[in-house]
Amino acid sequence: MIERQILSLDEVQEDQTYSGCTITVSNQDIQVSGVTFLNCTFAQTDFRGGEWLDCTIRGSRFLTADFTGSVMYRCRFEGCQLMGADFTRSTWQDVTVAGCQATYLILAEAKLKNARFEDTKLTESSFQAASIVKPGWWLPAGR
């Protein structure tokens, strides 16, 4: 586990856990695989076109971050702040958003397959023209 370090998103290595780290701006295309981020701070807000595979992100803030056109496979957001995060035209497969604040989340024109929202506030979020592919998405009853 790598703890309390300052490093670029370009320096993040596969199959590592980063805890309490500050992740600075990437100078390359974003490709993150098999990484766990625990309570990390991301200095970057532009994640457009990035690829995130087999990642767990817990306790991070992505307020109004731009993930337009990104790809997320087998990822999990836990206890994150995703208010106003923009995932327009992104692809999500086997993604779970649990215990997050996701008011004003934008998933317009996104492709969602097996996306799960558990204990997550989605007030005023946008799913306009999103494609929900079977098995679709899961949202607990009454939400």
C-alpha atoms as a PDB file:
ATOM      1  CA  MET A   1       0.000   0.000   0.000  1.00  0.00           C
ATOM      2  CA  ILE A   2       1.260   3.450  -0.934  1.00  0.00           C
ATOM      3  CA  GLU A   3       0.259   6.050   1.656  1.00  0.00           C
ATOM      4  CA  ARG A   4       0.206   9.850   1.829  1.00  0.00           C
ATOM      5  CA  GLN A   5       2.277  10.454  -1.302  1.00  0.00           C
ATOM      6  CA  ILE A   6       1.975  13.100  -4.011  1.00  0.00           C
ATOM      7  CA  LEU A   7       2.161  11.533  -7.454  1.00  0.00           C
ATOM      8  CA  SER A   8       0.899  12.039 -10.972  1.00  0.00           C
ATOM      9  CA  LEU A   9      -1.944   9.942 -12.323  1.00  0.00           C
ATOM     10  CA  ASP A  10       0.652   8.825 -14.903  1.00  0.00           C
ATOM     11  CA  GLU A  11       2.691   7.232 -12.090  1.00  0.00           C
ATOM     12  CA  VAL A  12      -0.165   5.099 -10.748  1.00  0.00           C
ATOM     13  CA  GLN A  13       0.676   1.413 -11.121  1.00  0.00           C
ATOM     14  CA  GLU A  14      -1.591  -1.563 -11.730  1.00  0.00           C
ATOM     15  CA  ASP A  15      -2.567  -3.737  -8.747  1.00  0.00           C
ATOM     16  CA  GLN A  16      -1.612  -1.076  -6.195  1.00  0.00           C
ATOM     17  CA  THR A  17      -3.590   0.533  -3.385  1.00  0.00           C
ATOM     18  CA  TYR A  18      -3.151   4.254  -2.779  1.00  0.00           C
ATOM     19  CA  SER A  19      -4.345   5.652   0.550  1.00  0.00           C
ATOM     20  CA  GLY A  20      -4.566   9.348   1.435  1.00  0.00           C
ATOM     21  CA  CYS A  21      -2.523  10.281  -1.619  1.00  0.00           C
ATOM     22  CA  THR A  22      -2.746  13.424  -3.719  1.00  0.00           C
ATOM     23  CA  ILE A  23      -3.020  12.474  -7.369  1.00  0.00           C
ATOM     24  CA  THR A  24      -1.841  15.271  -9.651  1.00  0.00           C
ATOM     25  CA  VAL A  25      -2.618  15.907 -13.313  1.00  0.00           C
ATOM     26  CA  SER A  26      -1.973  13.325 -16.024  1.00  0.00           C
ATOM     27  CA  ASN A  27      -0.003  14.398 -19.083  1.00  0.00           C
ATOM     28  CA  GLN A  28      -1.009  11.313 -21.074  1.00  0.00           C
ATOM     29  CA  ASP A  29      -4.202   9.494 -22.023  1.00  0.00           C
ATOM     30  CA  ILE A  30      -5.769   8.138 -18.852  1.00  0.00           C
ATOM     31  CA  GLN A  31      -5.572   4.363 -18.501  1.00  0.00           C
ATOM     32  CA  VAL A  32      -6.034   3.060 -14.976  1.00  0.00           C
ATOM     33  CA  SER A  33      -6.338  -0.674 -14.302  1.00  0.00           C
ATOM     34  CA  GLY A  34      -6.611  -2.773 -11.149  1.00  0.00           C
ATOM     35  CA  VAL A  35      -6.076   0.159  -8.793  1.00  0.00           C
ATOM     36  CA  THR A  36      -7.673   1.009  -5.444  1.00  0.00           C
ATOM     37  CA  PHE A  37      -7.809   4.633  -4.304  1.00  0.00           C
ATOM     38  CA  LEU A  38      -8.713   5.151  -0.623  1.00  0.00           C
ATOM     39  CA  ASN A  39      -9.512   8.727   0.430  1.00  0.00           C
ATOM     40  CA  CYS A  40      -7.272  10.196  -2.260  1.00  0.00           C
ATOM     41  CA  THR A  41      -7.458  13.765  -3.542  1.00  0.00           C
ATOM     42  CA  PHE A  42      -7.498  14.210  -7.309  1.00  0.00           C
ATOM     43  CA  ALA A  43      -6.114  17.555  -8.509  1.00  0.00           C
ATOM     44  CA  GLN A  44      -7.321  16.834 -12.040  1.00  0.00           C
ATOM     45  CA  THR A  45     -10.921  17.456 -13.121  1.00  0.00           C
ATOM     46  CA  ASP A  46     -10.581  16.563 -16.820  1.00  0.00           C
ATOM     47  CA  PHE A  47     -10.744  12.788 -17.244  1.00  0.00           C
ATOM     48  CA  ARG A  48     -12.302  12.837 -20.739  1.00  0.00           C
ATOM     49  CA  GLY A  49     -11.833   9.684 -22.796  1.00  0.00           C
ATOM     50  CA  GLY A  50     -10.132   7.810 -19.963  1.00  0.00           C
ATOM     51  CA  GLU A  51     -10.186   4.053 -19.431  1.00  0.00           C
ATOM     52  CA  TRP A  52     -10.813   2.781 -15.910  1.00  0.00           C
ATOM     53  CA  LEU A  53     -10.756  -1.012 -15.510  1.00  0.00           C
ATOM     54  CA  ASP A  54     -11.195  -3.012 -12.282  1.00  0.00           C
ATOM     55  CA  CYS A  55     -10.833   0.050 -10.047  1.00  0.00           C
ATOM     56  CA  THR A  56     -12.187   0.855  -6.597  1.00  0.00           C
ATOM     57  CA  ILE A  57     -12.411   4.498  -5.591  1.00  0.00           C
ATOM     58  CA  ARG A  58     -13.431   5.175  -1.996  1.00  0.00           C
ATOM     59  CA  GLY A  59     -13.929   8.546  -0.312  1.00  0.00           C
ATOM     60  CA  SER A  60     -12.768  10.809  -3.162  1.00  0.00           C
ATOM     61  CA  ARG A  61     -14.281  13.998  -4.564  1.00  0.00           C
ATOM     62  CA  PHE A  62     -15.033  14.490  -8.251  1.00  0.00           C
ATOM     63  CA  LEU A  63     -17.136  17.649  -8.071  1.00  0.00           C
ATOM     64  CA  THR A  64     -18.060  18.737 -11.626  1.00  0.00           C
ATOM     65  CA  ALA A  65     -15.312  16.488 -13.024  1.00  0.00           C
ATOM     66  CA  ASP A  66     -15.507  15.767 -16.753  1.00  0.00           C
ATOM     67  CA  PHE A  67     -15.476  12.055 -17.655  1.00  0.00           C
ATOM     68  CA  THR A  68     -17.102  12.574 -21.083  1.00  0.00           C
ATOM     69  CA  GLY A  69     -16.510   9.598 -23.373  1.00  0.00           C
ATOM     70  CA  SER A  70     -14.759   7.577 -20.685  1.00  0.00           C
ATOM     71  CA  VAL A  71     -14.942   3.798 -20.302  1.00  0.00           C
ATOM     72  CA  MET A  72     -15.535   2.182 -16.905  1.00  0.00           C
ATOM     73  CA  TYR A  73     -15.460  -1.607 -16.538  1.00  0.00           C
ATOM     74  CA  ARG A  74     -15.854  -3.436 -13.227  1.00  0.00           C
ATOM     75  CA  CYS A  75     -15.336  -0.264 -11.192  1.00  0.00           C
ATOM     76  CA  ARG A  76     -16.732   0.696  -7.817  1.00  0.00           C
ATOM     77  CA  PHE A  77     -17.258   4.170  -6.350  1.00  0.00           C
ATOM     78  CA  GLU A  78     -17.833   4.061  -2.581  1.00  0.00           C
ATOM     79  CA  GLY A  79     -18.592   7.088  -0.415  1.00  0.00           C
ATOM     80  CA  CYS A  80     -17.491   9.481  -3.148  1.00  0.00           C
ATOM     81  CA  GLN A  81     -18.760  12.952  -3.962  1.00  0.00           C
ATOM     82  CA  LEU A  82     -19.822  12.914  -7.601  1.00  0.00           C
ATOM     83  CA  MET A  83     -21.977  16.059  -7.614  1.00  0.00           C
ATOM     84  CA  GLY A  84     -22.193  17.395 -11.156  1.00  0.00           C
ATOM     85  CA  ALA A  85     -19.704  14.855 -12.530  1.00  0.00           C
ATOM     86  CA  ASP A  86     -20.237  14.542 -16.279  1.00  0.00           C
ATOM     87  CA  PHE A  87     -20.158  11.042 -17.783  1.00  0.00           C
ATOM     88  CA  THR A  88     -21.878  12.031 -21.057  1.00  0.00           C
ATOM     89  CA  ARG A  89     -21.373   9.423 -23.799  1.00  0.00           C
ATOM     90  CA  SER A  90     -19.414   7.187 -21.429  1.00  0.00           C
ATOM     91  CA  THR A  91     -19.641   3.394 -21.248  1.00  0.00           C
ATOM     92  CA  TRP A  92     -20.251   1.681 -17.922  1.00  0.00           C
ATOM     93  CA  GLN A  93     -20.224  -2.078 -17.514  1.00  0.00           C
ATOM     94  CA  ASP A  94     -20.436  -3.739 -14.102  1.00  0.00           C
ATOM     95  CA  VAL A  95     -20.046  -0.403 -12.289  1.00  0.00           C
ATOM     96  CA  THR A  96     -21.337   0.121  -8.746  1.00  0.00           C
ATOM     97  CA  VAL A  97     -21.916   3.507  -7.124  1.00  0.00           C
ATOM     98  CA  ALA A  98     -22.496   2.935  -3.395  1.00  0.00           C
ATOM     99  CA  GLY A  99     -23.063   5.424  -0.594  1.00  0.00           C
ATOM    100  CA  CYS A 100     -22.197   8.357  -2.832  1.00  0.00           C
ATOM    101  CA  GLN A 101     -23.515  11.888  -3.148  1.00  0.00           C
ATOM    102  CA  ALA A 102     -24.337  12.064  -6.863  1.00  0.00           C
ATOM    103  CA  THR A 103     -26.748  14.976  -7.114  1.00  0.00           C
ATOM    104  CA  TYR A 104     -26.672  16.453 -10.650  1.00  0.00           C
ATOM    105  CA  LEU A 105     -24.678  13.469 -11.972  1.00  0.00           C
ATOM    106  CA  ILE A 106     -24.790  13.460 -15.780  1.00  0.00           C
ATOM    107  CA  LEU A 107     -25.014  10.148 -17.633  1.00  0.00           C
ATOM    108  CA  ALA A 108     -26.645  11.558 -20.767  1.00  0.00           C
ATOM    109  CA  GLU A 109     -26.186   9.381 -23.865  1.00  0.00           C
ATOM    110  CA  ALA A 110     -24.204   6.889 -21.763  1.00  0.00           C
ATOM    111  CA  LYS A 111     -24.267   3.120 -22.282  1.00  0.00           C
ATOM    112  CA  LEU A 112     -25.028   1.375 -19.001  1.00  0.00           C
ATOM    113  CA  LYS A 113     -24.808  -2.380 -18.557  1.00  0.00           C
ATOM    114  CA  ASN A 114     -25.204  -3.798 -15.064  1.00  0.00           C
ATOM    115  CA  ALA A 115     -24.807  -0.392 -13.406  1.00  0.00           C
ATOM    116  CA  ARG A 116     -25.814  -0.390  -9.730  1.00  0.00           C
ATOM    117  CA  PHE A 117     -26.701   2.574  -7.557  1.00  0.00           C
ATOM    118  CA  GLU A 118     -26.865   1.647  -3.872  1.00  0.00           C
ATOM    119  CA  ASP A 119     -27.629   4.174  -1.131  1.00  0.00           C
ATOM    120  CA  THR A 120     -26.732   6.973  -3.520  1.00  0.00           C
ATOM    121  CA  LYS A 121     -28.453  10.319  -3.821  1.00  0.00           C
ATOM    122  CA  LEU A 122     -29.274  10.980  -7.507  1.00  0.00           C
ATOM    123  CA  THR A 123     -31.472  14.085  -7.143  1.00  0.00           C
ATOM    124  CA  GLU A 124     -31.644  16.091 -10.405  1.00  0.00           C
ATOM    125  CA  SER A 125     -29.303  13.633 -12.146  1.00  0.00           C
ATOM    126  CA  SER A 126     -29.566  13.258 -15.913  1.00  0.00           C
ATOM    127  CA  PHE A 127     -29.948   9.962 -17.759  1.00  0.00           C
ATOM    128  CA  GLN A 128     -31.253  11.627 -20.925  1.00  0.00           C
ATOM    129  CA  ALA A 129     -30.943   9.342 -23.981  1.00  0.00           C
ATOM    130  CA  ALA A 130     -28.879   6.829 -21.990  1.00  0.00           C
ATOM    131  CA  SER A 131     -28.871   3.255 -23.306  1.00  0.00           C
ATOM    132  CA  ILE A 132     -29.602   0.753 -20.591  1.00  0.00           C
ATOM    133  CA  VAL A 133     -28.474  -2.622 -21.909  1.00  0.00           C
ATOM    134  CA  LYS A 134     -29.633  -5.852 -20.297  1.00  0.00           C
ATOM    135  CA  PRO A 135     -29.121  -6.776 -17.543  1.00  0.00           C
ATOM    136  CA  GLY A 136     -29.528  -3.005 -17.271  1.00  0.00           C
ATOM    137  CA  TRP A 137     -29.193  -1.174 -14.030  1.00  0.00           C
ATOM    138  CA  TRP A 138     -30.193  -1.711 -10.449  1.00  0.00           C
ATOM    139  CA  LEU A 139     -31.666   0.885  -8.159  1.00  0.00           C
ATOM    140  CA  PRO A 140     -33.191  -0.156  -4.823  1.00  0.00           C
ATOM    141  CA  ALA A 141     -36.966   0.202  -4.613  1.00  0.00           C
ATOM    142  CA  GLY A 142     -38.238   3.560  -3.405  1.00  0.00           C
ATOM    143  CA  ARG A 143     -35.249   5.599  -4.593  1.00  0.00           C
END
